[in-house]
Amino acid sequence: KGIADAGFFLNSLNKDGIDCWPDQMMSLWSTAGLYKDLHQPCLQKFGAGQEWKCLFAEFFAESIETPMFIVNSMYDTSELTYTLGLACCPGRCHFGTPHCNAVDKSMFDHLRTGHEKAWAPVAHKPGNGIWAISCMDHTLTWEHWTSPKWEVPSGSKTTAAVAVAKWLAGEDVHIQDAVPFPENRGCSDHNLVS
């Protein structure tokens, strides 16, 4: 069994219409000659010229045979910053961060729906599971693993640690925050409050 903590990155253009972070990843793997080391069923599925798709789980995760549990934010801060290039606050802004304009807010909102669509085939595959929260951060298992502020839904006592423990015990666990940011009140101020 495996647990994926963050990193379910989407192949998205940034706010200026540039394929920045995904393009950097593709360039790195191509220059280093590492495509051959990626997931073999993915490489077979896409073939020559489309190996880059095997860098993004949205294109191949359903073909992973190992039972997997996804722990991810609907609004991964790495994606917000490095993939989308957003430097704005989508709600309840503090300490001088500018509010997102309508276009940037739409991109922020799309990250949630994009994740839900992209990880659905793998998250709902028999034996797999998911715990996804509507708060902003990256790599959730080191700081928020057992935090009572990071529960889905808020106030439920279902932290990432509780969800993973249930999954490891054989339970069917598919927990995704039903509310958008910033409505999970327990953790919605994280990264916004000084």
Protein backbone atom coordinates (compact mmCIF):
# COMPACT_ATOMS: atom_id res chain seq x y z
CA LYS A 1 0.00 0.00 0.00
CA GLY A 2 1.10 3.57 -0.59
CA ILE A 3 0.15 7.01 0.67
CA ALA A 4 0.52 9.98 -1.66
CA ASP A 5 0.93 13.21 0.32
CA ALA A 6 0.32 16.17 -1.97
CA GLY A 7 1.91 16.23 -5.38
CA PHE A 8 -1.22 15.33 -7.35
CA PHE A 9 -0.28 18.22 -9.62
CA LEU A 10 -2.34 19.13 -12.63
CA ASN A 11 -0.90 20.04 -16.01
CA SER A 12 -2.18 23.63 -15.98
CA LEU A 13 -1.26 26.92 -17.58
CA ASN A 14 -0.38 29.82 -15.29
CA LYS A 15 -2.35 33.07 -15.01
CA ASP A 16 -0.44 34.47 -18.01
CA GLY A 17 -1.29 31.46 -20.20
CA ILE A 18 2.21 29.97 -19.91
CA ASP A 19 2.90 26.31 -19.23
CA CYS A 20 5.58 27.29 -16.70
CA TRP A 21 6.02 24.69 -13.93
CA PRO A 22 4.82 21.72 -16.01
CA ASP A 23 7.14 22.80 -18.85
CA GLN A 24 10.07 23.03 -16.42
CA MET A 25 9.37 19.49 -15.23
CA MET A 26 9.18 18.21 -18.81
CA SER A 27 12.44 19.95 -19.71
CA LEU A 28 14.24 18.54 -16.68
CA TRP A 29 13.15 14.96 -17.35
CA SER A 30 13.97 15.25 -21.05
CA THR A 31 17.41 16.82 -20.50
CA ALA A 32 18.33 14.23 -17.86
CA GLY A 33 17.03 11.35 -19.98
CA LEU A 34 14.74 10.17 -17.20
CA TYR A 35 11.52 9.47 -19.10
CA LYS A 36 12.54 5.81 -19.48
CA ASP A 37 12.33 5.46 -15.68
CA LEU A 38 8.70 6.53 -15.37
CA HIS A 39 5.70 4.27 -14.81
CA GLN A 40 5.96 1.65 -17.56
CA PRO A 41 2.20 1.13 -18.14
CA CYS A 42 1.92 4.91 -18.61
CA LEU A 43 4.79 5.00 -21.10
CA GLN A 44 3.14 2.16 -23.04
CA LYS A 45 -0.23 3.94 -22.95
CA PHE A 46 1.02 7.24 -24.36
CA GLY A 47 4.07 6.23 -26.41
CA ALA A 48 6.84 8.27 -27.96
CA GLY A 49 6.35 12.03 -27.90
CA GLN A 50 3.84 11.96 -25.06
CA GLU A 51 6.03 10.57 -22.28
CA TRP A 52 5.60 13.88 -20.44
CA LYS A 53 2.05 12.85 -19.50
CA CYS A 54 3.60 10.27 -17.19
CA LEU A 55 4.83 13.12 -14.95
CA PHE A 56 1.25 14.11 -14.07
CA ALA A 57 -0.89 11.65 -12.13
CA GLU A 58 -4.07 12.93 -13.76
CA PHE A 59 -3.05 11.05 -16.94
CA PHE A 60 -2.03 7.69 -15.52
CA ALA A 61 -2.93 7.22 -11.84
CA GLU A 62 -5.78 4.82 -12.62
CA SER A 63 -3.21 2.36 -14.01
CA ILE A 64 -1.27 2.11 -10.73
CA GLU A 65 -1.86 -1.36 -9.31
CA THR A 66 -0.57 -0.71 -5.77
CA PRO A 67 -3.43 0.24 -3.43
CA MET A 68 -3.09 3.97 -2.84
CA PHE A 69 -4.46 6.56 -0.47
CA ILE A 70 -4.38 10.20 -1.55
CA VAL A 71 -3.86 12.93 1.08
CA ASN A 72 -4.14 16.26 -0.69
CA SER A 73 -5.35 19.81 -0.41
CA MET A 74 -7.96 20.91 -2.91
CA TYR A 75 -5.87 24.09 -3.11
CA ASP A 76 -2.24 22.96 -3.00
CA THR A 77 -0.07 26.01 -2.30
CA SER A 78 2.72 24.69 -4.51
CA GLU A 79 0.32 24.59 -7.45
CA LEU A 80 -1.17 27.97 -6.57
CA THR A 81 2.29 29.58 -6.54
CA TYR A 82 4.45 27.67 -9.01
CA THR A 83 1.95 26.22 -11.48
CA LEU A 84 -0.71 28.95 -11.59
CA GLY A 85 1.53 31.87 -10.57
CA LEU A 86 -1.09 33.31 -8.24
CA ALA A 87 0.03 35.84 -5.64
CA CYS A 88 -3.37 36.88 -4.34
CA CYS A 89 -5.75 36.02 -1.55
CA PRO A 90 -9.02 34.27 -2.48
CA GLY A 91 -10.86 35.16 0.75
CA ARG A 92 -10.51 36.51 4.30
CA CYS A 93 -7.27 38.24 3.37
CA HIS A 94 -4.78 39.40 5.98
CA PHE A 95 -1.49 41.24 6.19
CA GLY A 96 -1.64 43.18 2.95
CA THR A 97 -2.07 40.34 0.47
CA PRO A 98 -4.13 41.67 -2.44
CA HIS A 99 -7.50 40.10 -3.13
CA CYS A 100 -7.72 37.92 -6.23
CA ASN A 101 -9.34 39.51 -9.25
CA ALA A 102 -12.15 37.61 -10.98
CA VAL A 103 -9.84 35.76 -13.38
CA ASP A 104 -7.41 34.70 -10.64
CA LYS A 105 -10.28 33.65 -8.35
CA SER A 106 -11.70 31.53 -11.16
CA MET A 107 -8.33 29.81 -11.56
CA PHE A 108 -8.20 29.24 -7.79
CA ASP A 109 -11.70 27.71 -7.82
CA HIS A 110 -10.86 25.55 -10.85
CA LEU A 111 -7.98 23.96 -8.95
CA ARG A 112 -10.54 22.27 -6.69
CA THR A 113 -12.76 21.01 -9.50
CA GLY A 114 -9.72 20.02 -11.56
CA HIS A 115 -8.38 17.92 -8.70
CA GLU A 116 -11.73 16.25 -8.07
CA LYS A 117 -12.04 15.28 -11.72
CA ALA A 118 -8.41 14.20 -12.13
CA TRP A 119 -8.13 12.01 -9.06
CA ALA A 120 -11.62 10.46 -9.23
CA PRO A 121 -10.53 7.39 -11.29
CA VAL A 122 -7.79 6.48 -8.82
CA ALA A 123 -9.43 7.63 -5.58
CA HIS A 124 -12.54 5.55 -6.21
CA LYS A 125 -10.76 2.47 -7.53
CA PRO A 126 -11.51 -0.51 -5.23
CA GLY A 127 -8.94 -0.67 -2.45
CA ASN A 128 -7.91 2.97 -2.83
CA GLY A 129 -8.98 5.96 -0.76
CA ILE A 130 -8.76 9.70 -0.34
CA TRP A 131 -8.78 12.48 2.25
CA ALA A 132 -8.90 15.92 0.61
CA ILE A 133 -9.36 19.19 2.46
CA SER A 134 -10.53 22.62 1.28
CA CYS A 135 -7.69 24.57 2.85
CA MET A 136 -4.44 25.87 1.43
CA ASP A 137 -1.17 24.07 2.09
CA HIS A 138 1.25 21.51 0.68
CA THR A 139 2.53 18.24 2.19
CA LEU A 140 -0.17 17.79 4.80
CA THR A 141 1.15 14.78 6.71
CA TRP A 142 4.04 16.48 8.50
CA GLU A 143 2.34 19.49 10.09
CA HIS A 144 -1.38 18.74 10.00
CA TRP A 145 -1.46 14.94 10.36
CA THR A 146 -3.34 14.91 13.66
CA SER A 147 -4.32 18.57 13.99
CA PRO A 148 -7.91 19.13 15.18
CA LYS A 149 -7.98 22.24 12.97
CA TRP A 150 -7.47 20.05 9.88
CA GLU A 151 -10.55 17.82 9.79
CA VAL A 152 -12.90 16.84 6.97
CA PRO A 153 -15.53 17.97 7.47
CA SER A 154 -14.55 20.66 9.94
CA GLY A 155 -15.32 19.58 13.51
CA SER A 156 -15.73 15.89 12.58
CA LYS A 157 -12.51 14.64 14.27
CA THR A 158 -11.58 13.05 10.91
CA THR A 159 -7.98 14.15 10.49
CA ALA A 160 -5.70 12.75 7.80
CA ALA A 161 -4.28 10.37 10.42
CA VAL A 162 -7.72 9.04 11.35
CA ALA A 163 -8.70 8.57 7.69
CA VAL A 164 -5.47 6.73 6.83
CA ALA A 165 -5.75 4.51 9.91
CA LYS A 166 -9.28 3.49 8.87
CA TRP A 167 -8.08 2.78 5.32
CA LEU A 168 -5.14 0.70 6.57
CA ALA A 169 -7.61 -1.26 8.72
CA GLY A 170 -9.57 -2.16 5.57
CA GLU A 171 -12.34 0.43 5.64
CA ASP A 172 -13.56 2.15 2.49
CA VAL A 173 -12.46 5.78 2.99
CA HIS A 174 -13.39 8.46 0.46
CA ILE A 175 -13.47 11.78 2.29
CA GLN A 176 -13.44 15.00 0.32
CA ASP A 177 -14.39 18.37 1.79
CA ALA A 178 -17.87 19.24 0.50
CA VAL A 179 -17.34 22.96 1.04
CA PRO A 180 -15.09 25.27 -0.99
CA PHE A 181 -12.40 27.51 0.49
CA PRO A 182 -12.68 29.30 2.95
CA GLU A 183 -15.69 27.45 4.39
CA ASN A 184 -13.73 24.78 6.30
CA ARG A 185 -13.40 27.11 9.28
CA GLY A 186 -10.92 24.98 11.19
CA CYS A 187 -8.03 25.48 8.80
CA SER A 188 -9.12 28.18 6.37
CA ASP A 189 -7.00 30.88 8.04
CA HIS A 190 -3.80 28.85 7.65
CA ASN A 191 -1.37 30.83 5.45
CA LEU A 192 -3.58 33.92 5.76
CA VAL A 193 -3.23 35.00 9.39
CA SER A 194 -0.10 36.70 10.68
